[in-house]
N, C-alpha and C. Protein backbone atom coordinates (compact mmCIF):
# COMPACT_ATOMS: atom_id res chain seq x y z
N UNK A 1 0.82 -1.16 0.02
CA UNK A 1 -0.02 -0.04 -0.02
C UNK A 1 0.93 1.22 0.00
N UNK A 2 0.45 2.19 -0.76
CA UNK A 2 1.18 3.48 -0.85
C UNK A 2 0.65 4.40 0.16
N UNK A 3 1.30 4.45 1.36
CA UNK A 3 0.81 5.22 2.52
C UNK A 3 0.80 6.77 2.17
N UNK A 4 1.82 7.24 1.42
CA UNK A 4 1.83 8.68 1.10
C UNK A 4 0.71 9.00 0.21
N UNK A 5 0.34 8.18 -0.71
CA UNK A 5 -0.78 8.37 -1.56
C UNK A 5 -2.12 8.33 -0.83
N UNK A 6 -2.24 7.41 0.07
CA UNK A 6 -3.44 7.33 0.93
C UNK A 6 -3.61 8.60 1.73
N UNK A 7 -2.49 9.08 2.32
CA UNK A 7 -2.65 10.34 3.08
C UNK A 7 -2.98 11.52 2.18
N UNK A 8 -2.41 11.58 1.01
CA UNK A 8 -2.68 12.69 0.08
C UNK A 8 -4.17 12.64 -0.31
N UNK A 9 -4.71 11.38 -0.61
CA UNK A 9 -6.10 11.24 -0.94
C UNK A 9 -7.02 11.68 0.19
N UNK A 10 -6.65 11.33 1.37
CA UNK A 10 -7.43 11.74 2.50
C UNK A 10 -7.43 13.25 2.68
N UNK A 11 -6.29 13.90 2.47
CA UNK A 11 -6.21 15.37 2.59
C UNK A 11 -6.93 16.07 1.48
N UNK A 12 -7.04 15.46 0.31
CA UNK A 12 -7.83 16.00 -0.81
C UNK A 12 -9.33 15.65 -0.66
N UNK A 13 -9.70 14.73 0.26
CA UNK A 13 -10.99 14.25 0.29
C UNK A 13 -11.47 13.58 -0.99
N UNK A 14 -10.54 12.83 -1.51
CA UNK A 14 -10.73 12.16 -2.80
C UNK A 14 -11.97 11.33 -2.89
N UNK A 15 -12.43 10.75 -1.78
CA UNK A 15 -13.58 9.90 -1.83
C UNK A 15 -14.88 10.71 -1.92
N UNK A 16 -14.86 11.95 -1.70
CA UNK A 16 -16.08 12.78 -1.74
C UNK A 16 -16.62 12.79 -3.17
N UNK A 17 -17.94 12.79 -3.30
CA UNK A 17 -18.60 12.81 -4.59
C UNK A 17 -18.12 13.92 -5.47
N UNK A 18 -17.83 15.11 -4.86
CA UNK A 18 -17.41 16.26 -5.71
C UNK A 18 -16.04 15.96 -6.37
N UNK A 19 -15.31 14.99 -5.93
CA UNK A 19 -14.04 14.62 -6.52
C UNK A 19 -14.12 13.43 -7.47
N UNK A 20 -15.26 13.08 -7.95
CA UNK A 20 -15.44 11.93 -8.79
C UNK A 20 -14.59 12.06 -10.05
N UNK A 21 -14.60 13.25 -10.69
CA UNK A 21 -13.82 13.41 -11.90
C UNK A 21 -12.33 13.29 -11.66
N UNK A 22 -11.87 13.74 -10.56
CA UNK A 22 -10.46 13.65 -10.13
C UNK A 22 -10.15 12.14 -9.97
N UNK A 23 -11.06 11.36 -9.34
CA UNK A 23 -10.78 9.91 -9.15
C UNK A 23 -10.63 9.20 -10.51
N UNK A 24 -11.55 9.60 -11.42
CA UNK A 24 -11.44 8.93 -12.75
C UNK A 24 -10.21 9.32 -13.48
N UNK A 25 -9.87 10.57 -13.40
CA UNK A 25 -8.67 11.07 -14.14
C UNK A 25 -7.39 10.41 -13.51
N UNK A 26 -7.39 10.26 -12.26
CA UNK A 26 -6.17 9.72 -11.58
C UNK A 26 -6.17 8.18 -11.83
N UNK A 27 -7.27 7.48 -11.78
CA UNK A 27 -7.37 6.09 -12.11
C UNK A 27 -6.85 5.81 -13.55
N UNK A 28 -7.33 6.73 -14.50
CA UNK A 28 -6.91 6.62 -15.85
C UNK A 28 -5.38 6.81 -15.97
N UNK A 29 -4.85 7.81 -15.33
CA UNK A 29 -3.38 8.07 -15.39
C UNK A 29 -2.59 6.86 -14.91
N UNK A 30 -3.01 6.26 -13.83
CA UNK A 30 -2.32 5.07 -13.34
C UNK A 30 -2.41 3.92 -14.22
N UNK A 31 -3.53 3.63 -14.81
CA UNK A 31 -3.75 2.49 -15.67
C UNK A 31 -3.06 2.62 -16.99
N UNK A 32 -3.02 3.86 -17.50
CA UNK A 32 -2.26 4.14 -18.77
C UNK A 32 -0.84 3.65 -18.67
N UNK A 33 -0.23 3.72 -17.45
CA UNK A 33 1.11 3.30 -17.26
C UNK A 33 1.33 1.80 -17.42
N UNK A 34 0.26 1.03 -17.37
CA UNK A 34 0.35 -0.47 -17.55
C UNK A 34 -0.50 -0.93 -18.70
N UNK A 35 -0.90 -0.01 -19.53
CA UNK A 35 -1.65 -0.39 -20.75
C UNK A 35 -0.94 -1.52 -21.57
N UNK A 36 0.31 -1.45 -21.68
CA UNK A 36 1.10 -2.39 -22.43
C UNK A 36 1.03 -3.87 -21.87
N UNK A 37 0.58 -3.95 -20.60
CA UNK A 37 0.46 -5.27 -20.03
C UNK A 37 -0.92 -5.93 -20.19
N UNK A 38 -1.84 -5.20 -20.69
CA UNK A 38 -3.17 -5.71 -20.97
C UNK A 38 -3.12 -6.72 -22.12
N UNK A 39 -3.76 -7.87 -21.83
CA UNK A 39 -3.68 -8.90 -22.88
C UNK A 39 -5.04 -9.11 -23.65
N UNK A 40 -6.10 -8.61 -23.01
CA UNK A 40 -7.45 -8.80 -23.59
C UNK A 40 -7.86 -7.50 -24.30
N UNK A 41 -8.31 -7.61 -25.56
CA UNK A 41 -8.66 -6.44 -26.27
C UNK A 41 -9.86 -5.70 -25.65
N UNK A 42 -10.69 -6.48 -24.88
CA UNK A 42 -11.89 -5.91 -24.20
C UNK A 42 -11.40 -4.92 -23.06
N UNK A 43 -10.28 -5.36 -22.39
CA UNK A 43 -9.75 -4.48 -21.37
C UNK A 43 -9.22 -3.19 -21.97
N UNK A 44 -8.50 -3.34 -23.05
CA UNK A 44 -7.96 -2.14 -23.72
C UNK A 44 -9.13 -1.22 -24.17
N UNK A 45 -10.15 -1.78 -24.79
CA UNK A 45 -11.30 -1.04 -25.18
C UNK A 45 -11.95 -0.30 -24.01
N UNK A 46 -12.04 -0.96 -22.87
CA UNK A 46 -12.68 -0.32 -21.66
C UNK A 46 -11.73 0.81 -21.19
N UNK A 47 -10.45 0.62 -21.27
CA UNK A 47 -9.56 1.69 -20.88
C UNK A 47 -9.72 2.88 -21.80
N UNK A 48 -9.89 2.63 -23.10
CA UNK A 48 -10.13 3.74 -23.97
C UNK A 48 -11.47 4.49 -23.72
N UNK A 49 -12.43 3.71 -23.26
CA UNK A 49 -13.67 4.32 -22.95
C UNK A 49 -13.53 5.18 -21.71
N UNK A 50 -12.76 4.79 -20.72
CA UNK A 50 -12.46 5.62 -19.55
C UNK A 50 -11.77 6.89 -19.98
N UNK A 51 -10.84 6.79 -20.93
CA UNK A 51 -10.21 7.97 -21.45
C UNK A 51 -11.27 8.92 -22.07
N UNK A 52 -12.16 8.31 -22.86
CA UNK A 52 -13.20 9.17 -23.52
C UNK A 52 -14.09 9.81 -22.44
N UNK A 53 -14.36 9.13 -21.38
CA UNK A 53 -15.16 9.70 -20.30
C UNK A 53 -14.54 10.82 -19.64
N UNK A 54 -13.22 10.66 -19.31
CA UNK A 54 -12.50 11.76 -18.64
C UNK A 54 -12.37 12.95 -19.56
N UNK A 55 -12.30 12.65 -20.87
CA UNK A 55 -12.19 13.81 -21.82
C UNK A 55 -13.56 14.47 -22.13
N UNK A 56 -14.59 13.84 -21.59
CA UNK A 56 -15.90 14.46 -21.83
C UNK A 56 -16.61 13.94 -23.06
N UNK A 57 -16.05 12.97 -23.74
CA UNK A 57 -16.60 12.46 -24.99
C UNK A 57 -17.46 11.21 -24.78
N UNK A 58 -17.70 10.74 -23.57
CA UNK A 58 -18.55 9.60 -23.33
C UNK A 58 -19.34 9.93 -22.07
N UNK A 59 -20.62 9.50 -22.08
CA UNK A 59 -21.50 9.73 -20.94
C UNK A 59 -21.28 8.65 -19.86
N UNK A 60 -21.92 8.85 -18.71
CA UNK A 60 -21.74 7.92 -17.59
C UNK A 60 -22.35 6.58 -17.91
N UNK A 61 -23.41 6.54 -18.70
CA UNK A 61 -23.94 5.17 -19.09
C UNK A 61 -22.97 4.39 -19.94
N UNK A 62 -22.27 5.07 -20.79
CA UNK A 62 -21.25 4.40 -21.54
C UNK A 62 -20.08 3.89 -20.69
N UNK A 63 -19.69 4.64 -19.72
CA UNK A 63 -18.75 4.28 -18.80
C UNK A 63 -19.14 3.13 -17.98
N UNK A 64 -20.35 3.08 -17.52
CA UNK A 64 -20.92 2.00 -16.73
C UNK A 64 -20.92 0.65 -17.56
N UNK A 65 -21.26 0.76 -18.81
CA UNK A 65 -21.32 -0.41 -19.70
C UNK A 65 -19.91 -0.99 -19.86
N UNK A 66 -18.91 -0.10 -20.03
CA UNK A 66 -17.55 -0.57 -20.10
C UNK A 66 -17.06 -1.18 -18.84
N UNK A 67 -17.49 -0.54 -17.68
CA UNK A 67 -17.12 -1.12 -16.41
C UNK A 67 -17.66 -2.54 -16.22
N UNK A 68 -18.85 -2.78 -16.55
CA UNK A 68 -19.44 -4.12 -16.45
C UNK A 68 -18.70 -5.18 -17.24
N UNK A 69 -18.30 -4.79 -18.47
CA UNK A 69 -17.59 -5.65 -19.41
C UNK A 69 -16.22 -5.99 -18.81
N UNK A 70 -15.47 -4.94 -18.39
CA UNK A 70 -14.09 -5.20 -17.93
C UNK A 70 -14.07 -5.93 -16.62
N UNK A 71 -15.13 -5.77 -15.75
CA UNK A 71 -15.23 -6.58 -14.55
C UNK A 71 -15.40 -8.05 -14.85
N UNK A 72 -16.19 -8.39 -15.87
CA UNK A 72 -16.29 -9.79 -16.35
C UNK A 72 -14.89 -10.29 -16.86
N UNK A 73 -14.24 -9.49 -17.63
CA UNK A 73 -12.95 -9.86 -18.13
C UNK A 73 -11.97 -10.15 -17.02
N UNK A 74 -11.94 -9.23 -16.02
CA UNK A 74 -11.06 -9.34 -14.90
C UNK A 74 -11.29 -10.66 -14.11
N UNK A 75 -12.60 -10.96 -13.92
CA UNK A 75 -12.96 -12.16 -13.07
C UNK A 75 -12.59 -13.46 -13.86
N UNK A 76 -12.55 -13.41 -15.17
CA UNK A 76 -12.35 -14.63 -15.91
C UNK A 76 -10.92 -14.71 -16.49
N UNK A 77 -9.99 -13.79 -16.14
CA UNK A 77 -8.67 -13.79 -16.65
C UNK A 77 -7.98 -15.11 -16.30
N UNK A 78 -7.35 -15.79 -17.25
CA UNK A 78 -6.80 -17.12 -16.93
C UNK A 78 -5.51 -17.06 -16.08
N UNK A 79 -4.92 -15.92 -15.92
CA UNK A 79 -3.67 -15.81 -15.22
C UNK A 79 -2.44 -16.28 -16.00
N UNK A 80 -1.39 -16.60 -15.30
CA UNK A 80 -0.15 -16.88 -15.98
C UNK A 80 0.05 -18.31 -16.32
N UNK A 81 0.57 -18.56 -17.48
CA UNK A 81 0.93 -19.88 -17.95
C UNK A 81 2.49 -20.01 -17.94
N UNK A 82 3.17 -18.92 -17.63
CA UNK A 82 4.67 -18.95 -17.61
C UNK A 82 5.14 -19.50 -16.27
N UNK A 83 6.35 -20.05 -16.26
CA UNK A 83 6.89 -20.65 -15.11
C UNK A 83 7.22 -19.60 -13.99
N UNK A 84 7.59 -18.38 -14.37
CA UNK A 84 7.97 -17.37 -13.42
C UNK A 84 6.77 -16.58 -12.98
N UNK A 85 5.55 -16.66 -13.57
CA UNK A 85 4.35 -15.99 -13.19
C UNK A 85 4.27 -14.57 -13.62
N UNK A 86 5.22 -14.07 -14.41
CA UNK A 86 5.14 -12.66 -14.75
C UNK A 86 3.90 -12.28 -15.54
N UNK A 87 3.28 -13.22 -16.23
CA UNK A 87 2.09 -12.92 -16.95
C UNK A 87 0.93 -12.48 -15.96
N UNK A 88 1.13 -12.76 -14.71
CA UNK A 88 0.13 -12.26 -13.71
C UNK A 88 0.06 -10.78 -13.70
N UNK A 89 1.04 -10.10 -14.25
CA UNK A 89 1.01 -8.70 -14.38
C UNK A 89 -0.20 -8.31 -15.24
N UNK A 90 -0.56 -9.05 -16.22
CA UNK A 90 -1.78 -8.80 -17.01
C UNK A 90 -3.04 -8.92 -16.17
N UNK A 91 -3.09 -9.83 -15.25
CA UNK A 91 -4.22 -10.00 -14.36
C UNK A 91 -4.38 -8.74 -13.50
N UNK A 92 -3.24 -8.29 -12.92
CA UNK A 92 -3.31 -7.06 -12.14
C UNK A 92 -3.63 -5.83 -12.90
N UNK A 93 -3.10 -5.70 -14.11
CA UNK A 93 -3.42 -4.59 -14.94
C UNK A 93 -4.87 -4.57 -15.34
N UNK A 94 -5.45 -5.74 -15.61
CA UNK A 94 -6.87 -5.76 -15.97
C UNK A 94 -7.70 -5.43 -14.74
N UNK A 95 -7.35 -5.86 -13.59
CA UNK A 95 -8.06 -5.47 -12.39
C UNK A 95 -7.96 -3.99 -12.14
N UNK A 96 -6.77 -3.40 -12.47
CA UNK A 96 -6.57 -1.94 -12.27
C UNK A 96 -7.58 -1.18 -13.19
N UNK A 97 -7.73 -1.70 -14.41
CA UNK A 97 -8.71 -1.05 -15.34
C UNK A 97 -10.14 -1.13 -14.70
N UNK A 98 -10.48 -2.29 -14.18
CA UNK A 98 -11.82 -2.48 -13.58
C UNK A 98 -12.06 -1.45 -12.40
N UNK A 99 -11.06 -1.37 -11.59
CA UNK A 99 -11.24 -0.44 -10.43
C UNK A 99 -11.26 1.02 -10.90
N UNK A 100 -10.50 1.36 -11.90
CA UNK A 100 -10.46 2.72 -12.39
C UNK A 100 -11.85 3.07 -12.95
N UNK A 101 -12.44 2.11 -13.69
CA UNK A 101 -13.76 2.44 -14.32
C UNK A 101 -14.83 2.49 -13.24
N UNK A 102 -14.59 1.87 -12.12
CA UNK A 102 -15.59 1.92 -11.06
C UNK A 102 -15.41 3.18 -10.15
N UNK A 103 -14.38 3.97 -10.48
CA UNK A 103 -14.07 5.14 -9.69
C UNK A 103 -13.37 4.89 -8.39
N UNK A 104 -12.75 3.72 -8.28
CA UNK A 104 -11.97 3.39 -7.11
C UNK A 104 -10.48 3.58 -7.43
N UNK A 105 -10.10 4.89 -7.46
CA UNK A 105 -8.79 5.29 -7.95
C UNK A 105 -7.61 4.71 -7.07
N UNK A 106 -7.77 4.62 -5.78
CA UNK A 106 -6.70 4.10 -4.97
C UNK A 106 -6.44 2.61 -5.22
N UNK A 107 -7.61 1.93 -5.41
CA UNK A 107 -7.47 0.48 -5.77
C UNK A 107 -6.81 0.33 -7.11
N UNK A 108 -7.25 1.14 -8.01
CA UNK A 108 -6.72 1.13 -9.42
C UNK A 108 -5.18 1.37 -9.30
N UNK A 109 -4.79 2.29 -8.56
CA UNK A 109 -3.38 2.67 -8.35
C UNK A 109 -2.60 1.46 -7.75
N UNK A 110 -3.17 0.78 -6.78
CA UNK A 110 -2.49 -0.33 -6.16
C UNK A 110 -2.35 -1.39 -7.10
N UNK A 111 -3.32 -1.77 -7.91
CA UNK A 111 -3.27 -2.87 -8.88
C UNK A 111 -2.28 -2.50 -10.02
N UNK A 112 -2.30 -1.20 -10.39
CA UNK A 112 -1.32 -0.79 -11.45
C UNK A 112 0.12 -0.92 -10.93
N UNK A 113 0.32 -0.49 -9.73
CA UNK A 113 1.71 -0.54 -9.16
C UNK A 113 2.14 -2.02 -9.09
N UNK A 114 1.23 -2.90 -8.62
CA UNK A 114 1.49 -4.32 -8.57
C UNK A 114 1.84 -4.86 -9.90
N UNK A 115 1.02 -4.49 -10.91
CA UNK A 115 1.24 -5.00 -12.28
C UNK A 115 2.61 -4.58 -12.80
N UNK A 116 2.95 -3.29 -12.58
CA UNK A 116 4.16 -2.72 -13.00
C UNK A 116 5.39 -3.43 -12.42
N UNK A 117 5.33 -3.73 -11.13
CA UNK A 117 6.44 -4.44 -10.44
C UNK A 117 6.43 -5.88 -10.85
N UNK A 118 5.27 -6.57 -10.91
CA UNK A 118 5.18 -7.98 -11.29
C UNK A 118 5.74 -8.16 -12.64
N UNK A 119 5.68 -7.26 -13.53
CA UNK A 119 6.13 -7.40 -14.89
C UNK A 119 7.66 -7.67 -14.93
N UNK A 120 8.31 -7.28 -13.90
CA UNK A 120 9.73 -7.51 -13.77
C UNK A 120 10.07 -8.92 -13.37
N UNK A 121 9.14 -9.53 -12.65
CA UNK A 121 9.35 -10.86 -12.15
C UNK A 121 8.56 -11.09 -10.84
N UNK A 122 8.06 -12.31 -10.67
CA UNK A 122 7.23 -12.63 -9.51
C UNK A 122 7.88 -12.25 -8.19
N UNK A 123 9.15 -12.52 -8.05
CA UNK A 123 9.82 -12.25 -6.76
C UNK A 123 9.87 -10.81 -6.40
N UNK A 124 9.84 -9.87 -7.40
CA UNK A 124 9.93 -8.46 -7.15
C UNK A 124 8.84 -7.91 -6.24
N UNK A 125 7.60 -8.50 -6.29
CA UNK A 125 6.53 -8.03 -5.49
C UNK A 125 6.73 -8.20 -4.03
N UNK A 126 7.72 -9.04 -3.65
CA UNK A 126 8.00 -9.25 -2.22
C UNK A 126 8.93 -8.23 -1.68
N UNK A 127 9.52 -7.45 -2.57
CA UNK A 127 10.50 -6.38 -2.19
C UNK A 127 9.82 -5.06 -2.16
N UNK A 128 9.45 -4.51 -1.02
CA UNK A 128 8.69 -3.26 -0.97
C UNK A 128 9.39 -2.15 -1.63
N UNK A 129 10.72 -2.13 -1.70
CA UNK A 129 11.44 -1.07 -2.30
C UNK A 129 11.21 -1.05 -3.86
N UNK A 130 10.85 -2.15 -4.40
CA UNK A 130 10.58 -2.30 -5.79
C UNK A 130 9.42 -1.36 -6.27
N UNK A 131 8.62 -0.94 -5.31
CA UNK A 131 7.42 -0.17 -5.57
C UNK A 131 7.74 1.34 -5.50
N UNK A 132 8.93 1.71 -5.05
CA UNK A 132 9.22 3.08 -4.70
C UNK A 132 9.06 4.03 -5.83
N UNK A 133 9.58 3.78 -7.04
CA UNK A 133 9.43 4.71 -8.17
C UNK A 133 7.95 4.84 -8.57
N UNK A 134 7.27 3.77 -8.64
CA UNK A 134 5.81 3.88 -9.03
C UNK A 134 4.97 4.54 -7.97
N UNK A 135 5.26 4.34 -6.70
CA UNK A 135 4.50 4.99 -5.53
C UNK A 135 4.86 6.55 -5.66
N UNK A 136 6.09 6.92 -5.91
CA UNK A 136 6.41 8.34 -6.01
C UNK A 136 5.70 9.00 -7.21
N UNK A 137 5.68 8.30 -8.31
CA UNK A 137 5.04 8.77 -9.50
C UNK A 137 3.52 9.09 -9.23
N UNK A 138 2.86 8.05 -8.52
CA UNK A 138 1.48 8.16 -8.26
C UNK A 138 1.20 9.39 -7.40
N UNK A 139 1.99 9.63 -6.37
CA UNK A 139 1.81 10.83 -5.51
C UNK A 139 1.92 12.07 -6.33
N UNK A 140 2.92 12.20 -7.17
CA UNK A 140 3.15 13.32 -8.02
C UNK A 140 2.05 13.50 -9.00
N UNK A 141 1.50 12.41 -9.59
CA UNK A 141 0.44 12.50 -10.53
C UNK A 141 -0.88 13.03 -9.86
N UNK A 142 -1.20 12.49 -8.74
CA UNK A 142 -2.45 12.95 -8.02
C UNK A 142 -2.27 14.43 -7.59
N UNK A 143 -1.11 14.78 -7.19
CA UNK A 143 -0.87 16.15 -6.80
C UNK A 143 -1.04 17.05 -8.06
N UNK A 144 -0.48 16.72 -9.14
CA UNK A 144 -0.59 17.50 -10.36
C UNK A 144 -2.05 17.57 -10.80
N UNK A 145 -2.76 16.42 -10.89
CA UNK A 145 -4.17 16.42 -11.28
C UNK A 145 -5.04 17.26 -10.37
N UNK A 146 -4.77 17.18 -9.14
CA UNK A 146 -5.60 17.98 -8.11
C UNK A 146 -5.26 19.46 -8.36
N UNK A 147 -4.07 19.84 -8.58
CA UNK A 147 -3.63 21.18 -8.82
C UNK A 147 -4.38 21.74 -10.07
N UNK A 148 -4.43 20.87 -11.11
CA UNK A 148 -5.10 21.32 -12.37
C UNK A 148 -6.58 21.53 -12.12
N UNK A 149 -7.16 20.63 -11.34
CA UNK A 149 -8.60 20.77 -11.06
C UNK A 149 -8.89 22.10 -10.26
N UNK A 150 -8.06 22.34 -9.30
CA UNK A 150 -8.30 23.58 -8.46
C UNK A 150 -8.02 24.86 -9.23
N UNK A 151 -7.06 24.74 -10.20
CA UNK A 151 -6.73 25.91 -11.04
C UNK A 151 -7.85 26.23 -12.04
N UNK A 152 -8.65 25.23 -12.37
CA UNK A 152 -9.70 25.37 -13.39
C UNK A 152 -10.93 26.17 -12.87
């Protein structure tokens, strides 16, 4: 868990309904970093729909339809067939998309960080320091997005 990100989210009151757009934008930013790990075209399409929603080109009903689809994809992902398990990064990336589309930005960030580290190798997820760069990026991204929102 990214404690600094959790504290920042609390200070921004990220969970408040008035911050829904910020949650979606932050979830999108986190998941875009692991787009290359997505194996299912439906997950990629759902991520694109989230991008369209954040950009104002898709309504909430369209977002909800994409969320339902990607949640089914995430629940049915076959996992890794490789001996080292690195393909599990795709499972985590797909779950990150599902959480981002549901507006659960911190969960999306956690899954995205896990996917990013897992892509290097299964053992890396046991080393907390392996998450450092991604955790720092997440805090910077949320800070930047929140600043853009308050400046608007």
